[in-house]
Amino acid sequence: MSRSITVELPRLSYYTGEVIEGTVVIETTSEAKSRGLYVDFTGTEETQITRQSGKTSHTYRSMANVPLWLDTVWNTEIFVFYARPSVRTYAQPVRFRSGGEGPEVYVELDGDRFFARELIGCRITLNRTGNARIRKVYTRLIGGEWARADGQQETTETYRTELDVPMEKIQVGVPFAFEIPIPADIASSYRGMYSYYSYILHVGLDIAFGFDIVAQTPIVIVR
């Protein structure tokens, strides 16, 4: 007896809050009783850590099938993306600043969730400089992965990009706006049971003959 189920979807990428519509075709050579049709929507997570000891190596693995979480993108047949307002509106800005005394930088982003190939809208205000000589303002977008497999843990920095803004373009107390490009082949943020991948955006003041002053915030990037 030959039976088959064919599913047709108009596309493979969806935003959270959307409705997935498709066509299901059931083919069989004879009648068969059925109690209904169900759809199982889950995500799959797998981590792998390899430890080297001399000439030998050992690989640790962990795998889990877990329900969909709202802050997770699963690299399976269907991708779930974050919807967010258009760029450069600052309708829902993310604000953060460096702490302590002395020079201070105040930062506004046009959101905390971005897609690959987008531009991160950034607006910085240098509130005070004190007696420090600031050579430049720089931004660093750093991506890293944490994984755990069979009792082993590993943290890896896998992405880093930097952008410098010369001090000649910045005035104390006056907001300065610029954009940070996100590459097309960047990895997606996710958080699973055995691993997670996250991004941190640093905005720092390069202080001559002193320690840099840095403000930072986590952001979500979806490929």
C-alpha atoms as a PDB file:
ATOM      1  CA  MET A   1       0.000   0.000   0.000  1.00  0.00           C
ATOM      2  CA  SER A   2       1.539   3.304  -1.114  1.00  0.00           C
ATOM      3  CA  ARG A   3       0.881   6.450   0.883  1.00  0.00           C
ATOM      4  CA  SER A   4       2.493   9.883   0.714  1.00  0.00           C
ATOM      5  CA  ILE A   5       1.966  13.376   2.077  1.00  0.00           C
ATOM      6  CA  THR A   6       3.168  16.414   0.131  1.00  0.00           C
ATOM      7  CA  VAL A   7       3.310  19.879   1.685  1.00  0.00           C
ATOM      8  CA  GLU A   8       3.577  23.048  -0.399  1.00  0.00           C
ATOM      9  CA  LEU A   9       4.504  26.385   1.200  1.00  0.00           C
ATOM     10  CA  PRO A  10       4.645  29.723  -0.640  1.00  0.00           C
ATOM     11  CA  ARG A  11       7.957  30.590   1.052  1.00  0.00           C
ATOM     12  CA  LEU A  12      10.354  29.385   3.741  1.00  0.00           C
ATOM     13  CA  SER A  13      10.915  32.591   5.731  1.00  0.00           C
ATOM     14  CA  TYR A  14       8.386  34.102   8.147  1.00  0.00           C
ATOM     15  CA  TYR A  15       8.136  36.798  10.787  1.00  0.00           C
ATOM     16  CA  THR A  16       6.837  36.170  14.285  1.00  0.00           C
ATOM     17  CA  GLY A  17       3.102  36.896  14.390  1.00  0.00           C
ATOM     18  CA  GLU A  18       2.543  35.785  10.784  1.00  0.00           C
ATOM     19  CA  VAL A  19       0.302  32.930   9.682  1.00  0.00           C
ATOM     20  CA  ILE A  20       1.913  30.060   7.774  1.00  0.00           C
ATOM     21  CA  GLU A  21      -0.413  29.000   4.957  1.00  0.00           C
ATOM     22  CA  GLY A  22       0.157  26.063   2.659  1.00  0.00           C
ATOM     23  CA  THR A  23      -1.329  23.114   0.821  1.00  0.00           C
ATOM     24  CA  VAL A  24      -1.269  19.508   2.006  1.00  0.00           C
ATOM     25  CA  VAL A  25      -1.760  16.748  -0.583  1.00  0.00           C
ATOM     26  CA  ILE A  26      -2.394  13.191   0.652  1.00  0.00           C
ATOM     27  CA  GLU A  27      -2.003  10.373  -1.864  1.00  0.00           C
ATOM     28  CA  THR A  28      -2.884   6.717  -1.213  1.00  0.00           C
ATOM     29  CA  THR A  29      -3.684   3.715  -3.375  1.00  0.00           C
ATOM     30  CA  SER A  30      -6.537   2.582  -1.107  1.00  0.00           C
ATOM     31  CA  GLU A  31      -8.802   3.955   1.581  1.00  0.00           C
ATOM     32  CA  ALA A  32      -7.284   4.307   5.036  1.00  0.00           C
ATOM     33  CA  LYS A  33      -8.729   5.442   8.337  1.00  0.00           C
ATOM     34  CA  SER A  34      -7.220   8.589   9.794  1.00  0.00           C
ATOM     35  CA  ARG A  35      -7.795  10.328  13.123  1.00  0.00           C
ATOM     36  CA  GLY A  36      -6.725  13.701  11.747  1.00  0.00           C
ATOM     37  CA  LEU A  37      -3.793  15.732  10.499  1.00  0.00           C
ATOM     38  CA  TYR A  38      -1.379  17.421  12.911  1.00  0.00           C
ATOM     39  CA  VAL A  39       1.488  19.868  12.491  1.00  0.00           C
ATOM     40  CA  ASP A  40       4.482  19.611  14.831  1.00  0.00           C
ATOM     41  CA  PHE A  41       6.484  22.862  14.961  1.00  0.00           C
ATOM     42  CA  THR A  42       9.743  22.430  16.893  1.00  0.00           C
ATOM     43  CA  GLY A  43      13.343  23.534  16.679  1.00  0.00           C
ATOM     44  CA  THR A  44      16.474  21.390  16.760  1.00  0.00           C
ATOM     45  CA  GLU A  45      19.642  22.336  18.605  1.00  0.00           C
ATOM     46  CA  GLU A  46      22.977  20.529  18.430  1.00  0.00           C
ATOM     47  CA  THR A  47      26.332  21.463  19.982  1.00  0.00           C
ATOM     48  CA  GLN A  48      29.748  19.937  19.374  1.00  0.00           C
ATOM     49  CA  ILE A  49      33.003  20.622  21.258  1.00  0.00           C
ATOM     50  CA  THR A  50      36.333  19.009  20.356  1.00  0.00           C
ATOM     51  CA  ARG A  51      39.179  18.807  22.887  1.00  0.00           C
ATOM     52  CA  GLN A  52      42.745  18.074  21.754  1.00  0.00           C
ATOM     53  CA  SER A  53      45.185  16.238  24.017  1.00  0.00           C
ATOM     54  CA  GLY A  54      48.498  15.460  22.364  1.00  0.00           C
ATOM     55  CA  LYS A  55      47.853  13.356  19.272  1.00  0.00           C
ATOM     56  CA  THR A  56      44.362  12.344  20.338  1.00  0.00           C
ATOM     57  CA  SER A  57      41.123  14.309  20.330  1.00  0.00           C
ATOM     58  CA  HIS A  58      37.691  13.747  21.787  1.00  0.00           C
ATOM     59  CA  THR A  59      34.427  15.251  20.568  1.00  0.00           C
ATOM     60  CA  TYR A  60      31.529  15.981  22.930  1.00  0.00           C
ATOM     61  CA  ARG A  61      28.017  16.320  21.518  1.00  0.00           C
ATOM     62  CA  SER A  62      24.610  17.349  22.832  1.00  0.00           C
ATOM     63  CA  MET A  63      21.286  17.557  20.991  1.00  0.00           C
ATOM     64  CA  ALA A  64      17.808  18.694  21.969  1.00  0.00           C
ATOM     65  CA  ASN A  65      14.435  19.169  20.310  1.00  0.00           C
ATOM     66  CA  VAL A  66      12.725  22.055  22.062  1.00  0.00           C
ATOM     67  CA  PRO A  67       9.618  24.201  21.440  1.00  0.00           C
ATOM     68  CA  LEU A  68       9.955  27.472  19.600  1.00  0.00           C
ATOM     69  CA  TRP A  69      11.086  30.388  21.761  1.00  0.00           C
ATOM     70  CA  LEU A  70      10.295  33.964  20.739  1.00  0.00           C
ATOM     71  CA  ASP A  71      13.936  35.041  20.917  1.00  0.00           C
ATOM     72  CA  THR A  72      15.284  32.120  18.897  1.00  0.00           C
ATOM     73  CA  VAL A  73      15.947  31.577  15.211  1.00  0.00           C
ATOM     74  CA  TRP A  74      16.155  27.926  14.230  1.00  0.00           C
ATOM     75  CA  ASN A  75      18.231  26.865  11.259  1.00  0.00           C
ATOM     76  CA  THR A  76      15.711  24.281  10.132  1.00  0.00           C
ATOM     77  CA  GLU A  77      13.326  24.244   7.192  1.00  0.00           C
ATOM     78  CA  ILE A  78      11.581  27.432   8.359  1.00  0.00           C
ATOM     79  CA  PHE A  79      13.244  30.582   9.696  1.00  0.00           C
ATOM     80  CA  VAL A  80      11.522  32.959  12.110  1.00  0.00           C
ATOM     81  CA  PHE A  81      12.641  36.603  11.938  1.00  0.00           C
ATOM     82  CA  TYR A  82      12.026  39.592  14.169  1.00  0.00           C
ATOM     83  CA  ALA A  83       9.767  42.385  12.937  1.00  0.00           C
ATOM     84  CA  ARG A  84      10.829  45.886  13.932  1.00  0.00           C
ATOM     85  CA  PRO A  85      10.138  49.534  12.989  1.00  0.00           C
ATOM     86  CA  SER A  86      11.911  51.075  10.024  1.00  0.00           C
ATOM     87  CA  VAL A  87      15.417  52.337  10.582  1.00  0.00           C
ATOM     88  CA  ARG A  88      16.423  55.816  11.616  1.00  0.00           C
ATOM     89  CA  THR A  89      13.097  56.702  13.232  1.00  0.00           C
ATOM     90  CA  TYR A  90      14.348  56.243  16.817  1.00  0.00           C
ATOM     91  CA  ALA A  91      10.722  55.411  17.691  1.00  0.00           C
ATOM     92  CA  GLN A  92      11.899  52.744  20.147  1.00  0.00           C
ATOM     93  CA  PRO A  93      15.493  53.780  20.818  1.00  0.00           C
ATOM     94  CA  VAL A  94      17.983  51.870  22.914  1.00  0.00           C
ATOM     95  CA  ARG A  95      19.836  54.302  25.174  1.00  0.00           C
ATOM     96  CA  PHE A  96      22.972  53.592  27.181  1.00  0.00           C
ATOM     97  CA  ARG A  97      25.953  55.528  28.485  1.00  0.00           C
ATOM     98  CA  SER A  98      29.361  55.065  30.022  1.00  0.00           C
ATOM     99  CA  GLY A  99      29.429  55.384  33.793  1.00  0.00           C
ATOM    100  CA  GLY A 100      31.754  56.904  36.333  1.00  0.00           C
ATOM    101  CA  GLU A 101      33.380  60.300  36.510  1.00  0.00           C
ATOM    102  CA  GLY A 102      35.407  62.006  33.829  1.00  0.00           C
ATOM    103  CA  PRO A 103      34.559  61.797  30.113  1.00  0.00           C
ATOM    104  CA  GLU A 104      31.121  60.398  29.294  1.00  0.00           C
ATOM    105  CA  VAL A 105      29.477  59.228  26.058  1.00  0.00           C
ATOM    106  CA  TYR A 106      25.703  58.879  25.646  1.00  0.00           C
ATOM    107  CA  VAL A 107      24.511  56.494  22.911  1.00  0.00           C
ATOM    108  CA  GLU A 108      21.169  56.028  21.130  1.00  0.00           C
ATOM    109  CA  LEU A 109      20.424  53.179  18.718  1.00  0.00           C
ATOM    110  CA  ASP A 110      17.322  52.955  16.511  1.00  0.00           C
ATOM    111  CA  GLY A 111      16.454  49.559  18.006  1.00  0.00           C
ATOM    112  CA  ASP A 112      17.947  46.427  19.519  1.00  0.00           C
ATOM    113  CA  ARG A 113      17.055  43.928  16.753  1.00  0.00           C
ATOM    114  CA  PHE A 114      18.473  44.067  13.252  1.00  0.00           C
ATOM    115  CA  PHE A 115      18.650  42.012  10.061  1.00  0.00           C
ATOM    116  CA  ALA A 116      21.803  41.132   8.139  1.00  0.00           C
ATOM    117  CA  ARG A 117      22.641  43.693   5.435  1.00  0.00           C
ATOM    118  CA  GLU A 118      20.953  46.450   7.459  1.00  0.00           C
ATOM    119  CA  LEU A 119      22.539  49.598   8.818  1.00  0.00           C
ATOM    120  CA  ILE A 120      22.492  50.186  12.566  1.00  0.00           C
ATOM    121  CA  GLY A 121      21.483  53.790  13.139  1.00  0.00           C
ATOM    122  CA  CYS A 122      23.658  55.195  15.928  1.00  0.00           C
ATOM    123  CA  ARG A 123      23.585  58.629  17.533  1.00  0.00           C
ATOM    124  CA  ILE A 124      26.225  59.567  20.104  1.00  0.00           C
ATOM    125  CA  THR A 125      26.573  62.601  22.338  1.00  0.00           C
ATOM    126  CA  LEU A 126      29.817  63.413  24.106  1.00  0.00           C
ATOM    127  CA  ASN A 127      28.499  64.911  27.342  1.00  0.00           C
ATOM    128  CA  ARG A 128      31.811  65.875  28.904  1.00  0.00           C
ATOM    129  CA  THR A 129      35.518  65.389  28.361  1.00  0.00           C
ATOM    130  CA  GLY A 130      37.082  66.629  31.590  1.00  0.00           C
ATOM    131  CA  ASN A 131      40.828  67.052  31.295  1.00  0.00           C
ATOM    132  CA  ALA A 132      41.243  63.977  29.088  1.00  0.00           C
ATOM    133  CA  ARG A 133      42.493  64.175  25.512  1.00  0.00           C
ATOM    134  CA  ILE A 134      40.152  62.046  23.399  1.00  0.00           C
ATOM    135  CA  ARG A 135      41.724  60.913  20.140  1.00  0.00           C
ATOM    136  CA  LYS A 136      38.634  59.295  18.593  1.00  0.00           C
ATOM    137  CA  VAL A 137      35.316  57.571  19.227  1.00  0.00           C
ATOM    138  CA  TYR A 138      35.133  53.962  18.081  1.00  0.00           C
ATOM    139  CA  THR A 139      32.467  51.273  17.834  1.00  0.00           C
ATOM    140  CA  ARG A 140      33.015  47.529  18.031  1.00  0.00           C
ATOM    141  CA  LEU A 141      30.396  44.959  17.104  1.00  0.00           C
ATOM    142  CA  ILE A 142      31.458  41.632  18.633  1.00  0.00           C
ATOM    143  CA  GLY A 143      29.749  38.284  18.116  1.00  0.00           C
ATOM    144  CA  GLY A 144      30.447  35.254  20.271  1.00  0.00           C
ATOM    145  CA  GLU A 145      29.172  31.744  20.875  1.00  0.00           C
ATOM    146  CA  TRP A 146      28.887  29.771  24.101  1.00  0.00           C
ATOM    147  CA  ALA A 147      28.361  26.012  23.873  1.00  0.00           C
ATOM    148  CA  ARG A 148      28.065  23.121  26.310  1.00  0.00           C
ATOM    149  CA  ALA A 149      28.307  19.466  25.323  1.00  0.00           C
ATOM    150  CA  ASP A 150      28.502  16.449  27.626  1.00  0.00           C
ATOM    151  CA  GLY A 151      29.753  18.520  30.566  1.00  0.00           C
ATOM    152  CA  GLN A 152      32.294  20.531  28.535  1.00  0.00           C
ATOM    153  CA  GLN A 153      31.942  24.297  27.962  1.00  0.00           C
ATOM    154  CA  GLU A 154      33.489  26.568  25.370  1.00  0.00           C
ATOM    155  CA  THR A 155      33.267  30.290  24.568  1.00  0.00           C
ATOM    156  CA  THR A 156      34.427  31.559  21.175  1.00  0.00           C
ATOM    157  CA  GLU A 157      34.569  35.043  19.659  1.00  0.00           C
ATOM    158  CA  THR A 158      33.663  34.519  16.013  1.00  0.00           C
ATOM    159  CA  TYR A 159      32.979  38.005  14.681  1.00  0.00           C
ATOM    160  CA  ARG A 160      34.401  41.490  15.215  1.00  0.00           C
ATOM    161  CA  THR A 161      34.113  44.698  13.234  1.00  0.00           C
ATOM    162  CA  GLU A 162      35.263  48.200  14.168  1.00  0.00           C
ATOM    163  CA  LEU A 163      34.363  51.693  13.012  1.00  0.00           C
ATOM    164  CA  ASP A 164      36.226  54.869  14.008  1.00  0.00           C
ATOM    165  CA  VAL A 165      34.840  58.413  14.203  1.00  0.00           C
ATOM    166  CA  PRO A 166      37.530  61.149  14.314  1.00  0.00           C
ATOM    167  CA  MET A 167      37.172  63.721  17.079  1.00  0.00           C
ATOM    168  CA  GLU A 168      37.186  66.488  14.448  1.00  0.00           C
ATOM    169  CA  LYS A 169      33.605  65.475  13.563  1.00  0.00           C
ATOM    170  CA  ILE A 170      32.256  65.555  17.128  1.00  0.00           C
ATOM    171  CA  GLN A 171      31.378  68.535  19.321  1.00  0.00           C
ATOM    172  CA  VAL A 172      30.754  68.264  23.052  1.00  0.00           C
ATOM    173  CA  GLY A 173      27.015  68.261  23.798  1.00  0.00           C
ATOM    174  CA  VAL A 174      25.981  67.993  20.124  1.00  0.00           C
ATOM    175  CA  PRO A 175      24.505  64.659  18.886  1.00  0.00           C
ATOM    176  CA  PHE A 176      26.437  63.020  16.053  1.00  0.00           C
ATOM    177  CA  ALA A 177      24.644  60.415  13.904  1.00  0.00           C
ATOM    178  CA  PHE A 178      26.258  57.695  11.801  1.00  0.00           C
ATOM    179  CA  GLU A 179      25.536  54.164  10.584  1.00  0.00           C
ATOM    180  CA  ILE A 180      27.146  50.798  11.267  1.00  0.00           C
ATOM    181  CA  PRO A 181      26.793  48.284   8.382  1.00  0.00           C
ATOM    182  CA  ILE A 182      25.924  44.649   9.106  1.00  0.00           C
ATOM    183  CA  PRO A 183      27.406  42.093   6.654  1.00  0.00           C
ATOM    184  CA  ALA A 184      25.177  39.716   4.690  1.00  0.00           C
ATOM    185  CA  ASP A 185      26.903  36.517   5.865  1.00  0.00           C
ATOM    186  CA  ILE A 186      26.749  37.230   9.595  1.00  0.00           C
ATOM    187  CA  ALA A 187      25.484  34.521  11.966  1.00  0.00           C
ATOM    188  CA  SER A 188      22.069  34.852  13.619  1.00  0.00           C
ATOM    189  CA  SER A 189      21.579  35.445  17.321  1.00  0.00           C
ATOM    190  CA  TYR A 190      19.929  32.566  19.135  1.00  0.00           C
ATOM    191  CA  ARG A 191      19.574  31.094  22.615  1.00  0.00           C
ATOM    192  CA  GLY A 192      19.117  27.379  23.085  1.00  0.00           C
ATOM    193  CA  MET A 193      19.420  24.754  25.764  1.00  0.00           C
ATOM    194  CA  TYR A 194      23.068  23.868  25.099  1.00  0.00           C
ATOM    195  CA  SER A 195      24.368  26.954  23.316  1.00  0.00           C
ATOM    196  CA  TYR A 196      23.730  30.572  22.444  1.00  0.00           C
ATOM    197  CA  TYR A 197      25.131  33.159  20.039  1.00  0.00           C
ATOM    198  CA  SER A 198      24.971  36.836  20.962  1.00  0.00           C
ATOM    199  CA  TYR A 199      26.276  40.255  19.919  1.00  0.00           C
ATOM    200  CA  ILE A 200      27.593  43.162  21.980  1.00  0.00           C
ATOM    201  CA  LEU A 201      27.964  46.699  20.638  1.00  0.00           C
ATOM    202  CA  HIS A 202      30.739  48.747  22.255  1.00  0.00           C
ATOM    203  CA  VAL A 203      31.029  52.524  21.884  1.00  0.00           C
ATOM    204  CA  GLY A 204      34.319  53.713  23.326  1.00  0.00           C
ATOM    205  CA  LEU A 205      36.388  56.835  23.839  1.00  0.00           C
ATOM    206  CA  ASP A 206      40.050  56.412  22.925  1.00  0.00           C
ATOM    207  CA  ILE A 207      41.812  58.311  25.720  1.00  0.00           C
ATOM    208  CA  ALA A 208      45.419  59.377  25.183  1.00  0.00           C
ATOM    209  CA  PHE A 209      47.712  58.207  28.005  1.00  0.00           C
ATOM    210  CA  GLY A 210      44.791  56.626  29.874  1.00  0.00           C
ATOM    211  CA  PHE A 211      42.234  53.842  29.959  1.00  0.00           C
ATOM    212  CA  ASP A 212      39.481  53.840  27.337  1.00  0.00           C
ATOM    213  CA  ILE A 213      35.937  54.608  28.468  1.00  0.00           C
ATOM    214  CA  VAL A 214      33.371  52.203  26.992  1.00  0.00           C
ATOM    215  CA  ALA A 215      29.574  52.017  26.900  1.00  0.00           C
ATOM    216  CA  GLN A 216      28.038  48.747  25.713  1.00  0.00           C
ATOM    217  CA  THR A 217      24.712  47.012  25.085  1.00  0.00           C
ATOM    218  CA  PRO A 218      23.590  43.614  23.718  1.00  0.00           C
ATOM    219  CA  ILE A 219      21.733  43.542  20.389  1.00  0.00           C
ATOM    220  CA  VAL A 220      20.013  40.842  18.335  1.00  0.00           C
ATOM    221  CA  ILE A 221      20.995  40.227  14.701  1.00  0.00           C
ATOM    222  CA  VAL A 222      19.057  37.908  12.383  1.00  0.00           C
ATOM    223  CA  ARG A 223      20.440  36.625   9.123  1.00  0.00           C
END
